[in-house]
Amino acid sequence: MAQQSIHRLDTESVGKAFIRYLVPSTIGMLLMAINIVADGIMVGNRLGPVALGGVGIAAPVYTLFVAMSL
């Protein structure tokens, strides 16, 4: 199966391959951003500004870990 993917990347046009990889990545990033905003709203309303600061500090670290896992 891995050889089939490599073969498709060799023969497929660059634009088509780019779009094929772009769409799932963009959807994943949008869902992660919605998750971070929802966390910020819930934490800010229920736990206060100090906890919201913690979410603000942890969000980039979380984003970095998710980016490395892709």
C-alpha atoms as a PDB file:
ATOM      1  CA  MET A   1       0.000   0.000   0.000  1.00  0.00           C
ATOM      2  CA  ALA A   2       2.863   2.379   0.714  1.00  0.00           C
ATOM      3  CA  GLN A   3       4.289   1.781  -2.748  1.00  0.00           C
ATOM      4  CA  GLN A   4       0.931   2.593  -4.302  1.00  0.00           C
ATOM      5  CA  SER A   5       0.885   5.972  -2.485  1.00  0.00           C
ATOM      6  CA  ILE A   6       4.421   6.752  -3.623  1.00  0.00           C
ATOM      7  CA  HIS A   7       3.521   5.792  -7.166  1.00  0.00           C
ATOM      8  CA  ARG A   8       0.469   8.056  -7.078  1.00  0.00           C
ATOM      9  CA  LEU A   9       2.594  10.965  -5.886  1.00  0.00           C
ATOM     10  CA  ASP A  10       5.014  10.362  -8.751  1.00  0.00           C
ATOM     11  CA  THR A  11       2.344  10.293 -11.432  1.00  0.00           C
ATOM     12  CA  GLU A  12      -0.284  12.681 -10.048  1.00  0.00           C
ATOM     13  CA  SER A  13      -0.182  16.391 -10.832  1.00  0.00           C
ATOM     14  CA  VAL A  14       1.246  18.629  -8.146  1.00  0.00           C
ATOM     15  CA  GLY A  15      -1.925  20.699  -7.804  1.00  0.00           C
ATOM     16  CA  LYS A  16      -4.143  17.666  -7.376  1.00  0.00           C
ATOM     17  CA  ALA A  17      -1.830  16.123  -4.777  1.00  0.00           C
ATOM     18  CA  PHE A  18      -1.606  19.445  -2.934  1.00  0.00           C
ATOM     19  CA  ILE A  19      -5.383  19.770  -2.700  1.00  0.00           C
ATOM     20  CA  ARG A  20      -5.703  16.131  -1.628  1.00  0.00           C
ATOM     21  CA  TYR A  21      -3.418  16.774   1.356  1.00  0.00           C
ATOM     22  CA  LEU A  22      -4.566  20.351   1.999  1.00  0.00           C
ATOM     23  CA  VAL A  23      -8.252  19.688   2.650  1.00  0.00           C
ATOM     24  CA  PRO A  24      -7.907  17.224   5.569  1.00  0.00           C
ATOM     25  CA  SER A  25      -5.150  19.313   7.154  1.00  0.00           C
ATOM     26  CA  THR A  26      -7.235  22.474   6.953  1.00  0.00           C
ATOM     27  CA  ILE A  27     -10.296  20.759   8.410  1.00  0.00           C
ATOM     28  CA  GLY A  28      -8.196  19.408  11.268  1.00  0.00           C
ATOM     29  CA  MET A  29      -6.722  22.830  12.020  1.00  0.00           C
ATOM     30  CA  LEU A  30     -10.169  24.462  11.993  1.00  0.00           C
ATOM     31  CA  LEU A  31     -11.551  21.859  14.387  1.00  0.00           C
ATOM     32  CA  MET A  32      -8.568  22.332  16.696  1.00  0.00           C
ATOM     33  CA  ALA A  33      -9.088  26.112  16.669  1.00  0.00           C
ATOM     34  CA  ILE A  34     -12.777  25.670  17.514  1.00  0.00           C
ATOM     35  CA  ASN A  35     -11.771  23.365  20.362  1.00  0.00           C
ATOM     36  CA  ILE A  36      -9.356  25.939  21.789  1.00  0.00           C
ATOM     37  CA  VAL A  37     -11.938  28.743  21.561  1.00  0.00           C
ATOM     38  CA  ALA A  38     -14.590  26.590  23.243  1.00  0.00           C
ATOM     39  CA  ASP A  39     -12.126  25.682  26.006  1.00  0.00           C
ATOM     40  CA  GLY A  40     -11.321  29.347  26.524  1.00  0.00           C
ATOM     41  CA  ILE A  41     -14.989  30.300  26.767  1.00  0.00           C
ATOM     42  CA  MET A  42     -15.855  27.536  29.221  1.00  0.00           C
ATOM     43  CA  VAL A  43     -12.779  27.996  31.398  1.00  0.00           C
ATOM     44  CA  GLY A  44     -13.099  31.790  31.375  1.00  0.00           C
ATOM     45  CA  ASN A  45     -16.743  31.689  32.412  1.00  0.00           C
ATOM     46  CA  ARG A  46     -16.448  28.975  35.066  1.00  0.00           C
ATOM     47  CA  LEU A  47     -12.949  29.192  36.547  1.00  0.00           C
ATOM     48  CA  GLY A  48     -11.879  32.798  36.064  1.00  0.00           C
ATOM     49  CA  PRO A  49      -9.059  34.805  34.560  1.00  0.00           C
ATOM     50  CA  VAL A  50      -6.144  32.878  36.088  1.00  0.00           C
ATOM     51  CA  ALA A  51      -7.364  29.599  34.600  1.00  0.00           C
ATOM     52  CA  LEU A  52      -7.991  31.369  31.292  1.00  0.00           C
ATOM     53  CA  GLY A  53      -4.354  32.489  31.354  1.00  0.00           C
ATOM     54  CA  GLY A  54      -3.397  28.837  31.781  1.00  0.00           C
ATOM     55  CA  VAL A  55      -5.421  27.916  28.709  1.00  0.00           C
ATOM     56  CA  GLY A  56      -3.721  30.735  26.813  1.00  0.00           C
ATOM     57  CA  ILE A  57      -0.305  29.372  27.749  1.00  0.00           C
ATOM     58  CA  ALA A  58      -1.195  25.737  27.082  1.00  0.00           C
ATOM     59  CA  ALA A  59      -2.908  26.286  23.696  1.00  0.00           C
ATOM     60  CA  PRO A  60       0.298  26.895  21.667  1.00  0.00           C
ATOM     61  CA  VAL A  61       1.991  23.919  23.316  1.00  0.00           C
ATOM     62  CA  TYR A  62      -1.018  21.745  22.480  1.00  0.00           C
ATOM     63  CA  THR A  63      -0.961  23.028  18.892  1.00  0.00           C
ATOM     64  CA  LEU A  64       2.741  22.225  18.606  1.00  0.00           C
ATOM     65  CA  PHE A  65       2.201  18.644  19.833  1.00  0.00           C
ATOM     66  CA  VAL A  66      -0.661  18.117  17.391  1.00  0.00           C
ATOM     67  CA  ALA A  67       1.401  19.549  14.525  1.00  0.00           C
ATOM     68  CA  MET A  68       4.267  17.165  15.306  1.00  0.00           C
ATOM     69  CA  SER A  69       1.907  14.205  15.396  1.00  0.00           C
ATOM     70  CA  LEU A  70       0.586  14.902  11.891  1.00  0.00           C
END
